[in-house]
Amino acid sequence: CGQNVGDIIRAEQPDVVFVETLSNPLVKVIDLDAVSAAAKEVGAVSVVDSTFTTPYLVRPIEHGF
């Protein structure tokens, strides 16, 4: 699509942003810091599903979630 996730969040102005740390089934990695920052800018609640990575590998709270 050519846009980064922060630009999409700013353009769409959602109330909630839901992401996965690793997407299923493509296993793409998302920039959690960018998502969290953009969600805060627009006043959205950010939610992260870190089922694949577990809290041992990724701690979403450290990235602003």
Protein backbone atom coordinates (compact mmCIF):
# COMPACT_ATOMS: atom_id res chain seq x y z
CA CYS A 1 0.00 0.00 0.00
CA GLY A 2 3.00 2.31 0.36
CA GLN A 3 1.90 4.08 3.55
CA ASN A 4 3.38 3.45 6.95
CA VAL A 5 1.14 2.44 9.81
CA GLY A 6 1.51 5.78 11.63
CA ASP A 7 0.29 7.69 8.57
CA ILE A 8 -2.72 5.39 8.23
CA ILE A 9 -3.67 5.83 11.89
CA ARG A 10 -3.37 9.61 11.64
CA ALA A 11 -5.46 9.69 8.45
CA GLU A 12 -8.22 7.36 9.68
CA GLN A 13 -8.48 8.73 13.26
CA PRO A 14 -9.73 5.44 14.79
CA ASP A 15 -11.01 5.03 18.35
CA VAL A 16 -9.13 1.73 18.80
CA VAL A 17 -5.99 0.37 17.14
CA PHE A 18 -5.51 -3.42 17.37
CA VAL A 19 -2.25 -4.99 16.21
CA GLU A 20 -0.38 -8.27 16.51
CA THR A 21 3.34 -8.26 17.34
CA LEU A 22 3.80 -10.82 14.55
CA SER A 23 1.02 -10.97 12.00
CA ASN A 24 -0.73 -14.23 11.33
CA PRO A 25 -0.26 -15.98 8.91
CA LEU A 26 2.44 -13.89 7.17
CA VAL A 27 4.60 -13.34 10.29
CA LYS A 28 5.25 -9.66 9.50
CA VAL A 29 6.73 -7.52 12.30
CA ILE A 30 5.02 -4.24 13.18
CA ASP A 31 6.69 -1.13 14.61
CA LEU A 32 5.05 -1.06 18.04
CA ASP A 33 6.58 2.30 18.97
CA ALA A 34 5.15 3.95 15.83
CA VAL A 35 1.71 2.42 16.37
CA SER A 36 1.60 3.48 20.01
CA ALA A 37 2.76 7.03 19.27
CA ALA A 38 0.28 7.51 16.42
CA ALA A 39 -2.59 6.07 18.46
CA LYS A 40 -1.81 8.46 21.31
CA GLU A 41 -1.68 11.40 18.87
CA VAL A 42 -5.25 10.75 17.74
CA GLY A 43 -6.56 9.76 21.17
CA ALA A 44 -7.08 6.12 20.27
CA VAL A 45 -6.77 3.16 22.61
CA SER A 46 -4.04 0.79 21.43
CA VAL A 47 -4.35 -2.96 21.94
CA VAL A 48 -1.69 -5.53 21.10
CA ASP A 49 -1.97 -9.30 20.72
CA SER A 50 1.44 -10.79 21.48
CA THR A 51 0.41 -14.45 21.43
CA PHE A 52 3.26 -15.47 19.12
CA THR A 53 5.99 -13.56 20.90
CA THR A 54 4.90 -14.01 24.54
CA PRO A 55 5.94 -11.54 27.28
CA TYR A 56 9.33 -13.23 27.45
CA LEU A 57 10.31 -11.90 24.01
CA VAL A 58 8.26 -8.69 23.65
CA ARG A 59 6.89 -6.48 26.40
CA PRO A 60 4.27 -4.21 24.77
CA ILE A 61 4.04 -1.97 27.84
CA GLU A 62 7.65 -0.93 27.19
CA HIS A 63 6.50 0.27 23.75
CA GLY A 64 3.66 2.45 25.05
CA PHE A 65 0.75 0.01 25.08
